[in-house]
Amino acid sequence: MRILFDQGTPAPLRRALSSHEISTVFELGWSTFANGDLLAAAERDFELLITTDQQIRNQQNLAVRRLAILVLPTTSWPRIQRHVHEIEREIAAIKPGEYRELEWRD
């Protein structure tokens, strides 16, 4: 799957998801894009956006998007690292245009 990491998504997650083709907003020079522009650009080349922006659902009309969005509850790599298998399961199950937010109690 072609995955785009948003600005707050920790880069070490890339190694844990090595079976996917991953780019970052920073690498593409898209760090200054507003969310709407970022989503439009991402839809052209990616299937999934992984972000830590928990407000994206309230800021954008996601109903018209083909891009799947997975929201992580934190930017903390140590916390995310403990849930890599759950993230992998969500990636495998997510459908085009779907929005999912992960929640962890640790």
N, C-alpha and C. Protein backbone atom coordinates (compact mmCIF):
# COMPACT_ATOMS: atom_id res chain seq x y z
N MET A 1 0.85 -1.17 0.00
CA MET A 1 0.00 0.00 0.00
C MET A 1 0.90 1.24 0.00
N ARG A 2 0.47 2.26 -0.71
CA ARG A 2 1.19 3.54 -0.72
C ARG A 2 0.64 4.41 0.42
N ILE A 3 1.52 4.71 1.39
CA ILE A 3 1.12 5.42 2.61
C ILE A 3 1.88 6.73 2.71
N LEU A 4 1.17 7.78 3.12
CA LEU A 4 1.77 9.07 3.40
C LEU A 4 1.71 9.33 4.90
N PHE A 5 2.85 9.65 5.48
CA PHE A 5 2.91 10.04 6.89
C PHE A 5 2.76 11.56 6.97
N ASP A 6 1.81 12.02 7.75
CA ASP A 6 1.63 13.44 8.00
C ASP A 6 2.76 13.92 8.92
N GLN A 7 2.81 15.22 9.13
CA GLN A 7 3.89 15.87 9.85
C GLN A 7 4.18 15.26 11.23
N GLY A 8 3.16 14.95 12.03
CA GLY A 8 3.38 14.46 13.39
C GLY A 8 3.61 12.98 13.52
N THR A 9 3.49 12.24 12.43
CA THR A 9 3.65 10.78 12.50
C THR A 9 5.13 10.45 12.65
N PRO A 10 5.51 9.74 13.72
CA PRO A 10 6.92 9.46 13.95
C PRO A 10 7.56 8.63 12.84
N ALA A 11 8.69 9.10 12.33
CA ALA A 11 9.39 8.43 11.24
C ALA A 11 9.79 6.99 11.56
N PRO A 12 10.13 6.63 12.80
CA PRO A 12 10.49 5.23 13.06
C PRO A 12 9.38 4.23 12.74
N LEU A 13 8.14 4.67 12.67
CA LEU A 13 7.04 3.78 12.30
C LEU A 13 7.25 3.22 10.90
N ARG A 14 7.96 3.94 10.08
CA ARG A 14 8.24 3.50 8.71
C ARG A 14 8.94 2.14 8.70
N ARG A 15 9.91 1.96 9.58
CA ARG A 15 10.64 0.68 9.65
C ARG A 15 9.71 -0.46 10.04
N ALA A 16 8.76 -0.17 10.91
CA ALA A 16 7.82 -1.21 11.36
C ALA A 16 6.82 -1.59 10.27
N LEU A 17 6.64 -0.72 9.31
CA LEU A 17 5.68 -0.96 8.22
C LEU A 17 6.41 -1.16 6.90
N SER A 18 7.52 -1.85 6.95
CA SER A 18 8.42 -1.97 5.80
C SER A 18 7.81 -2.67 4.58
N SER A 19 6.70 -3.36 4.75
CA SER A 19 6.08 -4.02 3.60
C SER A 19 5.27 -3.03 2.75
N HIS A 20 5.19 -1.78 3.19
CA HIS A 20 4.44 -0.76 2.47
C HIS A 20 5.39 0.28 1.88
N GLU A 21 4.92 1.00 0.89
CA GLU A 21 5.69 2.09 0.29
C GLU A 21 5.29 3.37 1.02
N ILE A 22 6.22 3.95 1.77
CA ILE A 22 5.90 5.07 2.64
C ILE A 22 6.71 6.30 2.26
N SER A 23 6.02 7.43 2.22
CA SER A 23 6.63 8.74 2.04
C SER A 23 6.16 9.62 3.17
N THR A 24 6.89 10.70 3.41
CA THR A 24 6.47 11.65 4.43
C THR A 24 6.14 12.99 3.78
N VAL A 25 5.29 13.74 4.44
CA VAL A 25 4.94 15.08 3.98
C VAL A 25 6.21 15.91 3.85
N PHE A 26 7.11 15.78 4.80
CA PHE A 26 8.36 16.53 4.78
C PHE A 26 9.20 16.20 3.55
N GLU A 27 9.37 14.91 3.27
CA GLU A 27 10.17 14.48 2.12
C GLU A 27 9.63 15.04 0.80
N LEU A 28 8.33 15.14 0.70
CA LEU A 28 7.69 15.61 -0.53
C LEU A 28 7.64 17.14 -0.63
N GLY A 29 8.06 17.82 0.42
CA GLY A 29 8.01 19.28 0.42
C GLY A 29 6.61 19.82 0.64
N TRP A 30 5.75 19.02 1.25
CA TRP A 30 4.35 19.40 1.46
C TRP A 30 4.08 19.90 2.88
N SER A 31 5.11 20.18 3.65
CA SER A 31 4.94 20.57 5.05
C SER A 31 4.11 21.84 5.23
N THR A 32 4.10 22.70 4.23
CA THR A 32 3.37 23.97 4.37
C THR A 32 1.94 23.89 3.85
N PHE A 33 1.54 22.75 3.31
CA PHE A 33 0.19 22.62 2.77
C PHE A 33 -0.84 22.67 3.90
N ALA A 34 -1.94 23.38 3.67
CA ALA A 34 -3.08 23.32 4.57
C ALA A 34 -3.71 21.93 4.41
N ASN A 35 -4.50 21.51 5.39
CA ASN A 35 -5.06 20.15 5.35
C ASN A 35 -5.83 19.85 4.07
N GLY A 36 -6.65 20.76 3.59
CA GLY A 36 -7.42 20.51 2.38
C GLY A 36 -6.52 20.29 1.18
N ASP A 37 -5.49 21.12 1.04
CA ASP A 37 -4.53 20.97 -0.06
C ASP A 37 -3.73 19.69 0.08
N LEU A 38 -3.37 19.36 1.32
CA LEU A 38 -2.62 18.13 1.57
C LEU A 38 -3.44 16.90 1.18
N LEU A 39 -4.69 16.87 1.57
CA LEU A 39 -5.55 15.73 1.23
C LEU A 39 -5.72 15.60 -0.27
N ALA A 40 -5.90 16.72 -0.95
CA ALA A 40 -6.07 16.68 -2.41
C ALA A 40 -4.80 16.16 -3.09
N ALA A 41 -3.65 16.63 -2.64
CA ALA A 41 -2.38 16.17 -3.21
C ALA A 41 -2.15 14.69 -2.90
N ALA A 42 -2.44 14.30 -1.68
CA ALA A 42 -2.21 12.91 -1.26
C ALA A 42 -3.08 11.95 -2.05
N GLU A 43 -4.30 12.33 -2.36
CA GLU A 43 -5.20 11.45 -3.10
C GLU A 43 -4.69 11.08 -4.48
N ARG A 44 -3.85 11.92 -5.04
CA ARG A 44 -3.32 11.64 -6.38
C ARG A 44 -2.35 10.47 -6.39
N ASP A 45 -1.60 10.29 -5.28
CA ASP A 45 -0.51 9.31 -5.28
C ASP A 45 -0.56 8.27 -4.16
N PHE A 46 -1.45 8.45 -3.20
CA PHE A 46 -1.44 7.58 -2.02
C PHE A 46 -2.81 6.97 -1.76
N GLU A 47 -2.80 5.86 -1.05
CA GLU A 47 -4.04 5.19 -0.67
C GLU A 47 -4.44 5.50 0.77
N LEU A 48 -3.43 5.83 1.60
CA LEU A 48 -3.67 6.01 3.03
C LEU A 48 -2.82 7.14 3.56
N LEU A 49 -3.43 7.98 4.40
CA LEU A 49 -2.73 9.01 5.15
C LEU A 49 -2.73 8.57 6.61
N ILE A 50 -1.55 8.51 7.21
CA ILE A 50 -1.47 8.27 8.65
C ILE A 50 -1.08 9.59 9.30
N THR A 51 -1.91 10.02 10.23
CA THR A 51 -1.74 11.32 10.86
C THR A 51 -1.95 11.22 12.36
N THR A 52 -1.52 12.26 13.07
CA THR A 52 -1.83 12.37 14.50
C THR A 52 -2.76 13.56 14.74
N ASP A 53 -3.24 14.16 13.66
CA ASP A 53 -4.14 15.32 13.74
C ASP A 53 -5.55 14.84 14.06
N GLN A 54 -5.90 14.89 15.33
CA GLN A 54 -7.19 14.39 15.77
C GLN A 54 -8.33 15.35 15.45
N GLN A 55 -8.03 16.51 14.89
CA GLN A 55 -9.06 17.47 14.50
C GLN A 55 -9.40 17.42 13.02
N ILE A 56 -8.68 16.61 12.26
CA ILE A 56 -8.86 16.59 10.81
C ILE A 56 -10.31 16.28 10.41
N ARG A 57 -10.95 15.43 11.16
CA ARG A 57 -12.35 15.08 10.87
C ARG A 57 -13.26 16.30 10.98
N ASN A 58 -13.00 17.17 11.92
CA ASN A 58 -13.82 18.36 12.13
C ASN A 58 -13.46 19.50 11.19
N GLN A 59 -12.27 19.46 10.64
CA GLN A 59 -11.79 20.56 9.81
C GLN A 59 -12.03 20.34 8.32
N GLN A 60 -12.28 19.11 7.91
CA GLN A 60 -12.38 18.78 6.49
C GLN A 60 -13.64 17.98 6.21
N ASN A 61 -14.15 18.10 5.00
CA ASN A 61 -15.25 17.27 4.54
C ASN A 61 -14.63 15.98 3.98
N LEU A 62 -14.60 14.95 4.79
CA LEU A 62 -13.94 13.71 4.41
C LEU A 62 -14.84 12.80 3.58
N ALA A 63 -16.12 13.11 3.53
CA ALA A 63 -17.07 12.25 2.80
C ALA A 63 -16.77 12.19 1.32
N VAL A 64 -16.12 13.20 0.78
CA VAL A 64 -15.84 13.25 -0.66
C VAL A 64 -14.47 12.68 -1.00
N ARG A 65 -13.77 12.17 -0.04
CA ARG A 65 -12.39 11.70 -0.24
C ARG A 65 -12.31 10.22 -0.56
N ARG A 66 -11.39 9.87 -1.45
CA ARG A 66 -11.07 8.47 -1.75
C ARG A 66 -9.94 7.98 -0.85
N LEU A 67 -9.17 8.92 -0.32
CA LEU A 67 -8.03 8.62 0.52
C LEU A 67 -8.49 8.08 1.87
N ALA A 68 -7.96 6.94 2.29
CA ALA A 68 -8.24 6.43 3.63
C ALA A 68 -7.37 7.22 4.62
N ILE A 69 -7.91 7.43 5.82
CA ILE A 69 -7.19 8.19 6.84
C ILE A 69 -7.20 7.39 8.13
N LEU A 70 -6.00 7.21 8.69
CA LEU A 70 -5.84 6.53 9.98
C LEU A 70 -5.21 7.53 10.94
N VAL A 71 -5.91 7.79 12.05
CA VAL A 71 -5.45 8.77 13.03
C VAL A 71 -4.88 8.05 14.24
N LEU A 72 -3.63 8.35 14.54
CA LEU A 72 -2.98 7.81 15.74
C LEU A 72 -3.26 8.75 16.90
N PRO A 73 -3.39 8.23 18.12
CA PRO A 73 -3.77 9.09 19.25
C PRO A 73 -2.62 9.87 19.87
N THR A 74 -1.41 9.70 19.35
CA THR A 74 -0.24 10.34 19.96
C THR A 74 0.87 10.47 18.93
N THR A 75 1.81 11.36 19.21
CA THR A 75 3.03 11.46 18.40
C THR A 75 4.18 10.72 19.06
N SER A 76 3.96 10.16 20.22
CA SER A 76 5.00 9.50 21.00
C SER A 76 5.40 8.15 20.39
N TRP A 77 6.62 8.05 19.87
CA TRP A 77 7.07 6.80 19.29
C TRP A 77 7.06 5.65 20.30
N PRO A 78 7.51 5.83 21.55
CA PRO A 78 7.45 4.71 22.50
C PRO A 78 6.03 4.16 22.68
N ARG A 79 5.03 5.03 22.71
CA ARG A 79 3.64 4.55 22.83
C ARG A 79 3.17 3.89 21.54
N ILE A 80 3.47 4.50 20.41
CA ILE A 80 3.07 3.94 19.12
C ILE A 80 3.73 2.59 18.91
N GLN A 81 4.97 2.47 19.27
CA GLN A 81 5.73 1.23 19.09
C GLN A 81 5.05 0.04 19.76
N ARG A 82 4.41 0.28 20.89
CA ARG A 82 3.72 -0.80 21.62
C ARG A 82 2.47 -1.27 20.88
N HIS A 83 2.02 -0.51 19.87
CA HIS A 83 0.78 -0.83 19.16
C HIS A 83 0.98 -1.06 17.67
N VAL A 84 2.19 -1.37 17.27
CA VAL A 84 2.49 -1.57 15.84
C VAL A 84 1.62 -2.66 15.23
N HIS A 85 1.41 -3.75 15.94
CA HIS A 85 0.59 -4.84 15.38
C HIS A 85 -0.85 -4.38 15.15
N GLU A 86 -1.37 -3.57 16.05
CA GLU A 86 -2.72 -3.04 15.88
C GLU A 86 -2.77 -2.11 14.66
N ILE A 87 -1.75 -1.28 14.50
CA ILE A 87 -1.69 -0.38 13.34
C ILE A 87 -1.64 -1.20 12.05
N GLU A 88 -0.85 -2.26 12.04
CA GLU A 88 -0.77 -3.13 10.86
C GLU A 88 -2.13 -3.74 10.53
N ARG A 89 -2.86 -4.19 11.56
CA ARG A 89 -4.20 -4.75 11.34
C ARG A 89 -5.15 -3.71 10.76
N GLU A 90 -5.08 -2.50 11.27
CA GLU A 90 -5.94 -1.43 10.77
C GLU A 90 -5.61 -1.10 9.31
N ILE A 91 -4.34 -1.07 8.98
CA ILE A 91 -3.93 -0.80 7.60
C ILE A 91 -4.46 -1.88 6.67
N ALA A 92 -4.38 -3.12 7.10
CA ALA A 92 -4.85 -4.24 6.27
C ALA A 92 -6.36 -4.19 6.07
N ALA A 93 -7.09 -3.64 7.03
CA ALA A 93 -8.55 -3.66 6.98
C ALA A 93 -9.18 -2.39 6.40
N ILE A 94 -8.45 -1.30 6.40
CA ILE A 94 -9.03 -0.02 6.00
C ILE A 94 -9.37 -0.01 4.51
N LYS A 95 -10.46 0.62 4.18
CA LYS A 95 -10.96 0.70 2.80
C LYS A 95 -10.78 2.12 2.25
N PRO A 96 -10.76 2.29 0.93
CA PRO A 96 -10.65 3.63 0.34
C PRO A 96 -11.73 4.56 0.88
N GLY A 97 -11.33 5.76 1.26
CA GLY A 97 -12.26 6.75 1.76
C GLY A 97 -12.65 6.59 3.22
N GLU A 98 -12.18 5.54 3.85
CA GLU A 98 -12.56 5.27 5.25
C GLU A 98 -11.70 6.11 6.20
N TYR A 99 -12.31 6.48 7.31
CA TYR A 99 -11.65 7.25 8.37
C TYR A 99 -11.69 6.41 9.64
N ARG A 100 -10.52 6.22 10.25
CA ARG A 100 -10.46 5.47 11.51
C ARG A 100 -9.56 6.19 12.49
N GLU A 101 -9.99 6.23 13.75
CA GLU A 101 -9.18 6.78 14.83
C GLU A 101 -8.85 5.67 15.79
N LEU A 102 -7.59 5.54 16.13
CA LEU A 102 -7.17 4.55 17.12
C LEU A 102 -7.22 5.17 18.50
N GLU A 103 -7.52 4.36 19.50
CA GLU A 103 -7.52 4.80 20.89
C GLU A 103 -6.79 3.76 21.73
N TRP A 104 -5.89 4.23 22.56
CA TRP A 104 -5.14 3.34 23.45
C TRP A 104 -5.25 3.85 24.87
N ARG A 105 -5.33 2.94 25.79
CA ARG A 105 -5.52 3.31 27.20
C ARG A 105 -4.22 3.30 28.01
N ASP A 106 -3.09 3.05 27.34
CA ASP A 106 -1.84 2.99 28.12
C ASP A 106 -1.17 4.33 28.25
